[in-house]
Amino acid sequence: MLSVTRVLTLLAVLTLPELAQRTILKPDFNIFTVAQDAEFGRIAAAEIEAQSAMLQNAAVVRYLNALGRNLAAKAPGGNQFRFQLKLITDKRINAFGLPGGIIYVTRGTIGAAQNEAQLASVIAHEIGHVVLRHGSHQLSKAYALQSPVSSLGAIGKTPVAEALAKVGGGFTASSLVLKNPLEAEAQADLLAVQIMFDAGYDPEASVRFFEILQAQTTGQPHPQEHPETRNRIASVSNEIRRLGAAQPNAKVDSPEFQASRTVLLNLP
């Protein structure tokens, strides 16, 4: 016969998030330090902002950064990065995270999301790219292919600007971080639902937003750097099952999200 203590222990285990079941995701090969990620991100940000129309709405940007901080606090290793969210005046659905923690979200992404949880899924995906260090991993691979192993030296000894110059071949900082391989996109998708789950959101919102994306892009050329949307839905749905049931009071929406969305939808 089980003791009362044993029964309570078993109940506690059954109600905990199934951490052992989630996919383990870690940064891959990298010759740069986390501090150099920030340098890389600043170079890429200068290129992006020179070609993009930025939207300077203080209230919306403040809301985005508050949401981003809450999500980043649940990302593995997120405290190593200084996250900053910025808004681009673009009616297309898009977002991208740069090494070091700068994340851009388009006006169209916020307009397409129906609630805060769906927007959180997009931001959590970009946080995933940052903490998994996909941008500097890409640069590390490109640099290593053109350098003898002996010249790679100790980690952190290769300046980012020098590595970018050596890679050359039409590569720019922004082109490297905006074209993640399919594997990196899949990893960011999985980490996003884990972050959402741990932050108290219903991760199913990620599936709902993919369905919105799929509906709005039907008939358009599929970006080669992203997996097929239906495959992304299947992958994240499987990860959600591994995580277990969402909290009964999981967060879905907020007045702040709806206010920000209304502001953007009413802009000319």
C-alpha atoms as a PDB file:
ATOM      1  CA  MET A   1       0.000   0.000   0.000  1.00  0.00           C
ATOM      2  CA  LEU A   2       1.361   3.414  -0.958  1.00  0.00           C
ATOM      3  CA  SER A   3       2.004   5.927   1.789  1.00  0.00           C
ATOM      4  CA  VAL A   4       0.390   9.363   1.705  1.00  0.00           C
ATOM      5  CA  THR A   5       3.826  10.910   1.054  1.00  0.00           C
ATOM      6  CA  ARG A   6       4.419   8.586  -1.888  1.00  0.00           C
ATOM      7  CA  VAL A   7       1.004   9.377  -3.388  1.00  0.00           C
ATOM      8  CA  LEU A   8       1.586  13.135  -3.073  1.00  0.00           C
ATOM      9  CA  THR A   9       5.016  12.750  -4.698  1.00  0.00           C
ATOM     10  CA  LEU A  10       3.544  10.854  -7.640  1.00  0.00           C
ATOM     11  CA  LEU A  11       0.823  13.484  -8.100  1.00  0.00           C
ATOM     12  CA  ALA A  12       3.417  16.255  -8.068  1.00  0.00           C
ATOM     13  CA  VAL A  13       5.482  14.488 -10.718  1.00  0.00           C
ATOM     14  CA  LEU A  14       2.438  13.967 -12.924  1.00  0.00           C
ATOM     15  CA  THR A  15       1.529  17.658 -12.816  1.00  0.00           C
ATOM     16  CA  LEU A  16       5.005  18.985 -13.585  1.00  0.00           C
ATOM     17  CA  PRO A  17       5.923  19.969 -17.177  1.00  0.00           C
ATOM     18  CA  GLU A  18       7.394  16.957 -18.914  1.00  0.00           C
ATOM     19  CA  LEU A  19      10.864  18.457 -19.168  1.00  0.00           C
ATOM     20  CA  ALA A  20      12.416  15.077 -19.874  1.00  0.00           C
ATOM     21  CA  GLN A  21      10.232  14.672 -22.952  1.00  0.00           C
ATOM     22  CA  ARG A  22      11.050  17.945 -24.692  1.00  0.00           C
ATOM     23  CA  THR A  23      13.558  18.087 -27.507  1.00  0.00           C
ATOM     24  CA  ILE A  24      17.001  19.113 -26.231  1.00  0.00           C
ATOM     25  CA  LEU A  25      18.341  22.041 -28.246  1.00  0.00           C
ATOM     26  CA  LYS A  26      21.811  23.536 -27.855  1.00  0.00           C
ATOM     27  CA  PRO A  27      24.054  25.960 -29.800  1.00  0.00           C
ATOM     28  CA  ASP A  28      26.300  24.283 -32.359  1.00  0.00           C
ATOM     29  CA  PHE A  29      29.930  24.890 -33.471  1.00  0.00           C
ATOM     30  CA  ASN A  30      30.962  28.518 -33.000  1.00  0.00           C
ATOM     31  CA  ILE A  31      34.294  30.359 -33.061  1.00  0.00           C
ATOM     32  CA  PHE A  32      32.786  33.522 -31.588  1.00  0.00           C
ATOM     33  CA  THR A  33      31.865  34.564 -28.069  1.00  0.00           C
ATOM     34  CA  VAL A  34      28.442  35.698 -26.920  1.00  0.00           C
ATOM     35  CA  ALA A  35      29.865  39.239 -26.689  1.00  0.00           C
ATOM     36  CA  GLN A  36      30.863  39.023 -30.344  1.00  0.00           C
ATOM     37  CA  ASP A  37      27.316  38.012 -31.233  1.00  0.00           C
ATOM     38  CA  ALA A  38      26.274  41.514 -30.162  1.00  0.00           C
ATOM     39  CA  GLU A  39      28.939  43.033 -32.432  1.00  0.00           C
ATOM     40  CA  PHE A  40      27.726  40.891 -35.326  1.00  0.00           C
ATOM     41  CA  GLY A  41      24.155  41.947 -34.604  1.00  0.00           C
ATOM     42  CA  ARG A  42      25.032  45.648 -34.654  1.00  0.00           C
ATOM     43  CA  ILE A  43      26.673  45.289 -38.066  1.00  0.00           C
ATOM     44  CA  ALA A  44      23.643  43.446 -39.449  1.00  0.00           C
ATOM     45  CA  ALA A  45      21.220  45.932 -37.845  1.00  0.00           C
ATOM     46  CA  ALA A  46      22.927  48.865 -39.563  1.00  0.00           C
ATOM     47  CA  GLU A  47      22.478  47.139 -42.932  1.00  0.00           C
ATOM     48  CA  ILE A  48      18.842  46.243 -42.263  1.00  0.00           C
ATOM     49  CA  GLU A  49      17.808  49.650 -40.965  1.00  0.00           C
ATOM     50  CA  ALA A  50      19.452  51.374 -43.920  1.00  0.00           C
ATOM     51  CA  GLN A  51      17.046  49.481 -46.188  1.00  0.00           C
ATOM     52  CA  SER A  52      13.916  49.377 -43.993  1.00  0.00           C
ATOM     53  CA  ALA A  53      11.322  51.923 -42.914  1.00  0.00           C
ATOM     54  CA  MET A  54      11.260  51.830 -39.122  1.00  0.00           C
ATOM     55  CA  LEU A  55       8.049  52.597 -37.245  1.00  0.00           C
ATOM     56  CA  GLN A  56       8.675  54.757 -34.187  1.00  0.00           C
ATOM     57  CA  ASN A  57       5.516  54.269 -32.136  1.00  0.00           C
ATOM     58  CA  ALA A  58       6.656  54.489 -28.509  1.00  0.00           C
ATOM     59  CA  ALA A  59       3.663  52.691 -26.984  1.00  0.00           C
ATOM     60  CA  VAL A  60       3.781  49.739 -29.373  1.00  0.00           C
ATOM     61  CA  VAL A  61       7.565  49.385 -29.140  1.00  0.00           C
ATOM     62  CA  ARG A  62       7.357  49.531 -25.340  1.00  0.00           C
ATOM     63  CA  TYR A  63       4.727  46.775 -25.382  1.00  0.00           C
ATOM     64  CA  LEU A  64       6.827  44.622 -27.730  1.00  0.00           C
ATOM     65  CA  ASN A  65       9.890  44.934 -25.517  1.00  0.00           C
ATOM     66  CA  ALA A  66       7.933  44.012 -22.382  1.00  0.00           C
ATOM     67  CA  LEU A  67       6.573  40.917 -24.134  1.00  0.00           C
ATOM     68  CA  GLY A  68      10.029  40.064 -25.452  1.00  0.00           C
ATOM     69  CA  ARG A  69      11.618  40.311 -21.997  1.00  0.00           C
ATOM     70  CA  ASN A  70       8.991  38.007 -20.484  1.00  0.00           C
ATOM     71  CA  LEU A  71       9.623  35.390 -23.157  1.00  0.00           C
ATOM     72  CA  ALA A  72      13.424  35.745 -23.122  1.00  0.00           C
ATOM     73  CA  ALA A  73      13.409  35.095 -19.366  1.00  0.00           C
ATOM     74  CA  LYS A  74      12.224  31.548 -20.148  1.00  0.00           C
ATOM     75  CA  ALA A  75      14.729  30.900 -22.947  1.00  0.00           C
ATOM     76  CA  PRO A  76      17.735  28.722 -22.056  1.00  0.00           C
ATOM     77  CA  GLY A  77      20.702  31.063 -21.755  1.00  0.00           C
ATOM     78  CA  GLY A  78      18.508  34.067 -22.502  1.00  0.00           C
ATOM     79  CA  ASN A  79      20.106  36.106 -19.719  1.00  0.00           C
ATOM     80  CA  GLN A  80      23.346  36.244 -21.734  1.00  0.00           C
ATOM     81  CA  PHE A  81      21.757  38.487 -24.348  1.00  0.00           C
ATOM     82  CA  ARG A  82      20.388  42.008 -24.301  1.00  0.00           C
ATOM     83  CA  PHE A  83      17.109  41.740 -26.177  1.00  0.00           C
ATOM     84  CA  GLN A  84      15.674  44.733 -27.992  1.00  0.00           C
ATOM     85  CA  LEU A  85      12.578  44.619 -30.195  1.00  0.00           C
ATOM     86  CA  LYS A  86      12.062  47.027 -33.072  1.00  0.00           C
ATOM     87  CA  LEU A  87       9.124  47.627 -35.391  1.00  0.00           C
ATOM     88  CA  ILE A  88       9.299  47.785 -39.195  1.00  0.00           C
ATOM     89  CA  THR A  89       6.644  49.484 -41.316  1.00  0.00           C
ATOM     90  CA  ASP A  90       5.983  46.533 -43.582  1.00  0.00           C
ATOM     91  CA  LYS A  91       2.541  45.022 -44.112  1.00  0.00           C
ATOM     92  CA  ARG A  92       3.974  41.594 -44.923  1.00  0.00           C
ATOM     93  CA  ILE A  93       4.243  38.918 -42.215  1.00  0.00           C
ATOM     94  CA  ASN A  94       7.885  38.734 -41.186  1.00  0.00           C
ATOM     95  CA  ALA A  95      10.222  38.866 -38.206  1.00  0.00           C
ATOM     96  CA  PHE A  96      13.913  38.191 -37.707  1.00  0.00           C
ATOM     97  CA  GLY A  97      16.302  37.965 -34.783  1.00  0.00           C
ATOM     98  CA  LEU A  98      19.919  39.093 -35.026  1.00  0.00           C
ATOM     99  CA  PRO A  99      22.890  37.747 -33.070  1.00  0.00           C
ATOM    100  CA  GLY A 100      23.083  39.454 -29.705  1.00  0.00           C
ATOM    101  CA  GLY A 101      19.341  39.988 -29.292  1.00  0.00           C
ATOM    102  CA  ILE A 102      17.982  42.639 -31.668  1.00  0.00           C
ATOM    103  CA  ILE A 103      14.626  41.409 -33.011  1.00  0.00           C
ATOM    104  CA  TYR A 104      12.593  43.049 -35.768  1.00  0.00           C
ATOM    105  CA  VAL A 105       8.840  42.532 -36.097  1.00  0.00           C
ATOM    106  CA  THR A 106       6.850  43.871 -39.027  1.00  0.00           C
ATOM    107  CA  ARG A 107       3.608  45.778 -38.727  1.00  0.00           C
ATOM    108  CA  GLY A 108       1.972  43.051 -40.841  1.00  0.00           C
ATOM    109  CA  THR A 109       2.894  40.358 -38.321  1.00  0.00           C
ATOM    110  CA  ILE A 110       1.116  42.128 -35.475  1.00  0.00           C
ATOM    111  CA  GLY A 111      -1.865  42.833 -37.711  1.00  0.00           C
ATOM    112  CA  ALA A 112      -2.128  39.178 -38.740  1.00  0.00           C
ATOM    113  CA  ALA A 113      -1.935  37.835 -35.182  1.00  0.00           C
ATOM    114  CA  GLN A 114      -5.328  37.498 -33.536  1.00  0.00           C
ATOM    115  CA  ASN A 115      -4.084  37.489 -29.948  1.00  0.00           C
ATOM    116  CA  GLU A 116      -0.985  37.961 -27.836  1.00  0.00           C
ATOM    117  CA  ALA A 117      -0.161  34.264 -27.711  1.00  0.00           C
ATOM    118  CA  GLN A 118       0.125  34.136 -31.503  1.00  0.00           C
ATOM    119  CA  LEU A 119       2.448  37.139 -31.520  1.00  0.00           C
ATOM    120  CA  ALA A 120       4.400  35.543 -28.672  1.00  0.00           C
ATOM    121  CA  SER A 121       4.962  32.481 -30.863  1.00  0.00           C
ATOM    122  CA  VAL A 122       6.639  34.644 -33.510  1.00  0.00           C
ATOM    123  CA  ILE A 123       8.842  36.500 -31.026  1.00  0.00           C
ATOM    124  CA  ALA A 124       9.749  33.259 -29.214  1.00  0.00           C
ATOM    125  CA  HIS A 125      10.864  31.799 -32.560  1.00  0.00           C
ATOM    126  CA  GLU A 126      13.260  34.725 -33.076  1.00  0.00           C
ATOM    127  CA  ILE A 127      14.492  34.462 -29.490  1.00  0.00           C
ATOM    128  CA  GLY A 128      15.240  30.836 -30.348  1.00  0.00           C
ATOM    129  CA  HIS A 129      17.520  31.918 -33.198  1.00  0.00           C
ATOM    130  CA  VAL A 130      19.334  34.287 -30.832  1.00  0.00           C
ATOM    131  CA  VAL A 131      19.949  31.883 -27.940  1.00  0.00           C
ATOM    132  CA  LEU A 132      20.872  29.010 -30.263  1.00  0.00           C
ATOM    133  CA  ARG A 133      23.317  31.457 -31.877  1.00  0.00           C
ATOM    134  CA  HIS A 134      22.350  30.531 -35.411  1.00  0.00           C
ATOM    135  CA  GLY A 135      23.777  33.709 -36.966  1.00  0.00           C
ATOM    136  CA  SER A 136      27.316  33.400 -35.611  1.00  0.00           C
ATOM    137  CA  HIS A 137      27.168  29.639 -36.188  1.00  0.00           C
ATOM    138  CA  GLN A 138      26.538  30.337 -39.876  1.00  0.00           C
ATOM    139  CA  LEU A 139      29.453  32.784 -39.995  1.00  0.00           C
ATOM    140  CA  SER A 140      31.672  30.320 -38.117  1.00  0.00           C
ATOM    141  CA  LYS A 141      30.993  27.601 -40.689  1.00  0.00           C
ATOM    142  CA  ALA A 142      31.569  29.922 -43.640  1.00  0.00           C
ATOM    143  CA  TYR A 143      34.809  31.226 -42.117  1.00  0.00           C
ATOM    144  CA  ALA A 144      36.088  27.761 -41.191  1.00  0.00           C
ATOM    145  CA  LEU A 145      35.573  26.522 -44.760  1.00  0.00           C
ATOM    146  CA  GLN A 146      38.031  29.145 -46.001  1.00  0.00           C
ATOM    147  CA  SER A 147      40.605  28.856 -43.214  1.00  0.00           C
ATOM    148  CA  PRO A 148      42.970  26.129 -42.059  1.00  0.00           C
ATOM    149  CA  VAL A 149      42.039  24.703 -38.674  1.00  0.00           C
ATOM    150  CA  SER A 150      45.301  25.991 -37.186  1.00  0.00           C
ATOM    151  CA  SER A 151      44.350  29.583 -38.036  1.00  0.00           C
ATOM    152  CA  LEU A 152      41.011  29.493 -36.239  1.00  0.00           C
ATOM    153  CA  GLY A 153      42.797  30.018 -32.941  1.00  0.00           C
ATOM    154  CA  ALA A 154      41.119  30.276 -29.608  1.00  0.00           C
ATOM    155  CA  ILE A 155      37.421  31.023 -29.456  1.00  0.00           C
ATOM    156  CA  GLY A 156      36.806  34.733 -29.484  1.00  0.00           C
ATOM    157  CA  LYS A 157      40.104  35.703 -31.139  1.00  0.00           C
ATOM    158  CA  THR A 158      38.639  36.188 -34.617  1.00  0.00           C
ATOM    159  CA  PRO A 159      37.089  39.671 -35.050  1.00  0.00           C
ATOM    160  CA  VAL A 160      33.610  39.551 -36.571  1.00  0.00           C
ATOM    161  CA  ALA A 161      34.429  42.217 -39.170  1.00  0.00           C
ATOM    162  CA  GLU A 162      37.526  40.268 -40.221  1.00  0.00           C
ATOM    163  CA  ALA A 163      35.540  37.061 -40.579  1.00  0.00           C
ATOM    164  CA  LEU A 164      32.878  38.821 -42.686  1.00  0.00           C
ATOM    165  CA  ALA A 165      35.557  40.330 -44.929  1.00  0.00           C
ATOM    166  CA  LYS A 166      37.247  36.970 -45.407  1.00  0.00           C
ATOM    167  CA  VAL A 167      34.010  35.150 -46.193  1.00  0.00           C
ATOM    168  CA  GLY A 168      33.220  37.722 -48.907  1.00  0.00           C
ATOM    169  CA  GLY A 169      31.577  36.222 -51.979  1.00  0.00           C
ATOM    170  CA  GLY A 170      28.609  38.562 -51.805  1.00  0.00           C
ATOM    171  CA  PHE A 171      27.865  37.693 -48.189  1.00  0.00           C
ATOM    172  CA  THR A 172      26.865  40.520 -45.889  1.00  0.00           C
ATOM    173  CA  ALA A 173      26.111  40.393 -42.186  1.00  0.00           C
ATOM    174  CA  SER A 174      22.374  40.692 -42.824  1.00  0.00           C
ATOM    175  CA  SER A 175      22.348  38.081 -45.593  1.00  0.00           C
ATOM    176  CA  LEU A 176      23.959  35.540 -43.271  1.00  0.00           C
ATOM    177  CA  VAL A 177      21.483  36.022 -40.454  1.00  0.00           C
ATOM    178  CA  LEU A 178      18.370  36.358 -42.611  1.00  0.00           C
ATOM    179  CA  LYS A 179      18.894  33.073 -44.459  1.00  0.00           C
ATOM    180  CA  ASN A 180      19.038  30.401 -41.819  1.00  0.00           C
ATOM    181  CA  PRO A 181      19.197  26.809 -43.072  1.00  0.00           C
ATOM    182  CA  LEU A 182      16.087  24.648 -42.734  1.00  0.00           C
ATOM    183  CA  GLU A 183      17.538  22.865 -39.707  1.00  0.00           C
ATOM    184  CA  ALA A 184      17.963  26.160 -37.849  1.00  0.00           C
ATOM    185  CA  GLU A 185      14.386  27.194 -38.630  1.00  0.00           C
ATOM    186  CA  ALA A 186      13.096  23.852 -37.370  1.00  0.00           C
ATOM    187  CA  GLN A 187      15.107  24.212 -34.154  1.00  0.00           C
ATOM    188  CA  ALA A 188      13.745  27.728 -33.569  1.00  0.00           C
ATOM    189  CA  ASP A 189      10.201  26.431 -34.098  1.00  0.00           C
ATOM    190  CA  LEU A 190      10.651  23.767 -31.410  1.00  0.00           C
ATOM    191  CA  LEU A 191      12.336  26.097 -28.935  1.00  0.00           C
ATOM    192  CA  ALA A 192       9.577  28.661 -29.479  1.00  0.00           C
ATOM    193  CA  VAL A 193       6.840  26.317 -28.237  1.00  0.00           C
ATOM    194  CA  GLN A 194       9.009  25.344 -25.268  1.00  0.00           C
ATOM    195  CA  ILE A 195       9.495  29.025 -24.365  1.00  0.00           C
ATOM    196  CA  MET A 196       5.776  29.700 -24.748  1.00  0.00           C
ATOM    197  CA  PHE A 197       4.869  26.732 -22.568  1.00  0.00           C
ATOM    198  CA  ASP A 198       7.283  27.808 -19.824  1.00  0.00           C
ATOM    199  CA  ALA A 199       6.092  31.426 -20.034  1.00  0.00           C
ATOM    200  CA  GLY A 200       2.523  30.317 -19.386  1.00  0.00           C
ATOM    201  CA  TYR A 201       1.113  30.648 -22.913  1.00  0.00           C
ATOM    202  CA  ASP A 202      -0.839  27.976 -24.726  1.00  0.00           C
ATOM    203  CA  PRO A 203       1.703  26.728 -27.301  1.00  0.00           C
ATOM    204  CA  GLU A 204      -1.159  25.739 -29.618  1.00  0.00           C
ATOM    205  CA  ALA A 205      -1.193  29.436 -30.574  1.00  0.00           C
ATOM    206  CA  SER A 206       1.922  28.689 -32.621  1.00  0.00           C
ATOM    207  CA  VAL A 207      -0.083  26.234 -34.726  1.00  0.00           C
ATOM    208  CA  ARG A 208      -2.892  28.765 -35.149  1.00  0.00           C
ATOM    209  CA  PHE A 209      -0.465  31.412 -36.400  1.00  0.00           C
ATOM    210  CA  PHE A 210       1.106  28.996 -38.876  1.00  0.00           C
ATOM    211  CA  GLU A 211      -2.397  28.350 -40.202  1.00  0.00           C
ATOM    212  CA  ILE A 212      -2.905  32.116 -40.643  1.00  0.00           C
ATOM    213  CA  LEU A 213       0.449  32.337 -42.417  1.00  0.00           C
ATOM    214  CA  GLN A 214      -0.468  29.424 -44.654  1.00  0.00           C
ATOM    215  CA  ALA A 215      -3.813  30.992 -45.587  1.00  0.00           C
ATOM    216  CA  GLN A 216      -2.262  34.365 -46.401  1.00  0.00           C
ATOM    217  CA  THR A 217       0.593  32.975 -48.488  1.00  0.00           C
ATOM    218  CA  THR A 218      -1.336  30.393 -50.523  1.00  0.00           C
ATOM    219  CA  GLY A 219      -0.303  30.682 -54.162  1.00  0.00           C
ATOM    220  CA  GLN A 220       2.820  32.700 -53.386  1.00  0.00           C
ATOM    221  CA  PRO A 221       6.375  31.383 -53.933  1.00  0.00           C
ATOM    222  CA  HIS A 222       7.571  29.530 -50.828  1.00  0.00           C
ATOM    223  CA  PRO A 223      10.758  30.992 -49.251  1.00  0.00           C
ATOM    224  CA  GLN A 224      13.506  28.394 -49.625  1.00  0.00           C
ATOM    225  CA  GLU A 225      14.984  29.201 -46.210  1.00  0.00           C
ATOM    226  CA  HIS A 226      11.814  28.090 -44.388  1.00  0.00           C
ATOM    227  CA  PRO A 227      10.335  24.585 -44.159  1.00  0.00           C
ATOM    228  CA  GLU A 228       6.927  24.016 -45.725  1.00  0.00           C
ATOM    229  CA  THR A 229       4.287  25.451 -43.404  1.00  0.00           C
ATOM    230  CA  ARG A 230       2.393  22.157 -43.166  1.00  0.00           C
ATOM    231  CA  ASN A 231       5.621  20.449 -42.068  1.00  0.00           C
ATOM    232  CA  ARG A 232       6.212  23.143 -39.454  1.00  0.00           C
ATOM    233  CA  ILE A 233       2.700  22.610 -38.106  1.00  0.00           C
ATOM    234  CA  ALA A 234       3.299  18.861 -37.829  1.00  0.00           C
ATOM    235  CA  SER A 235       6.661  19.374 -36.121  1.00  0.00           C
ATOM    236  CA  VAL A 236       5.493  21.865 -33.493  1.00  0.00           C
ATOM    237  CA  SER A 237       2.309  19.862 -32.853  1.00  0.00           C
ATOM    238  CA  ASN A 238       4.473  16.853 -32.041  1.00  0.00           C
ATOM    239  CA  GLU A 239       6.623  18.941 -29.689  1.00  0.00           C
ATOM    240  CA  ILE A 240       3.510  20.299 -27.953  1.00  0.00           C
ATOM    241  CA  ARG A 241       2.374  16.725 -27.303  1.00  0.00           C
ATOM    242  CA  ARG A 242       5.788  16.006 -25.791  1.00  0.00           C
ATOM    243  CA  LEU A 243       5.431  19.000 -23.465  1.00  0.00           C
ATOM    244  CA  GLY A 244       2.073  17.861 -22.141  1.00  0.00           C
ATOM    245  CA  ALA A 245      -1.162  19.721 -21.511  1.00  0.00           C
ATOM    246  CA  ALA A 246      -1.018  23.493 -21.276  1.00  0.00           C
ATOM    247  CA  GLN A 247      -1.879  25.138 -17.978  1.00  0.00           C
ATOM    248  CA  PRO A 248      -5.669  25.463 -17.430  1.00  0.00           C
ATOM    249  CA  ASN A 249      -5.262  29.238 -17.142  1.00  0.00           C
ATOM    250  CA  ALA A 250      -2.742  29.577 -19.982  1.00  0.00           C
ATOM    251  CA  LYS A 251      -2.383  33.132 -21.299  1.00  0.00           C
ATOM    252  CA  VAL A 252      -3.981  33.842 -24.651  1.00  0.00           C
ATOM    253  CA  ASP A 253      -4.546  37.566 -24.994  1.00  0.00           C
ATOM    254  CA  SER A 254      -4.096  40.943 -23.321  1.00  0.00           C
ATOM    255  CA  PRO A 255      -5.594  44.443 -23.625  1.00  0.00           C
ATOM    256  CA  GLU A 256      -2.104  45.746 -24.415  1.00  0.00           C
ATOM    257  CA  PHE A 257      -1.840  43.512 -27.464  1.00  0.00           C
ATOM    258  CA  GLN A 258      -5.248  44.496 -28.795  1.00  0.00           C
ATOM    259  CA  ALA A 259      -4.499  48.203 -28.223  1.00  0.00           C
ATOM    260  CA  SER A 260      -1.175  47.919 -30.092  1.00  0.00           C
ATOM    261  CA  ARG A 261      -2.765  45.957 -32.926  1.00  0.00           C
ATOM    262  CA  THR A 262      -5.541  48.542 -33.299  1.00  0.00           C
ATOM    263  CA  VAL A 263      -2.988  51.355 -33.500  1.00  0.00           C
ATOM    264  CA  LEU A 264      -1.082  49.595 -36.286  1.00  0.00           C
ATOM    265  CA  LEU A 265      -4.181  48.574 -38.234  1.00  0.00           C
ATOM    266  CA  ASN A 266      -5.405  52.178 -38.236  1.00  0.00           C
ATOM    267  CA  LEU A 267      -2.166  53.601 -39.568  1.00  0.00           C
ATOM    268  CA  PRO A 268      -2.251  54.768 -43.204  1.00  0.00           C
END
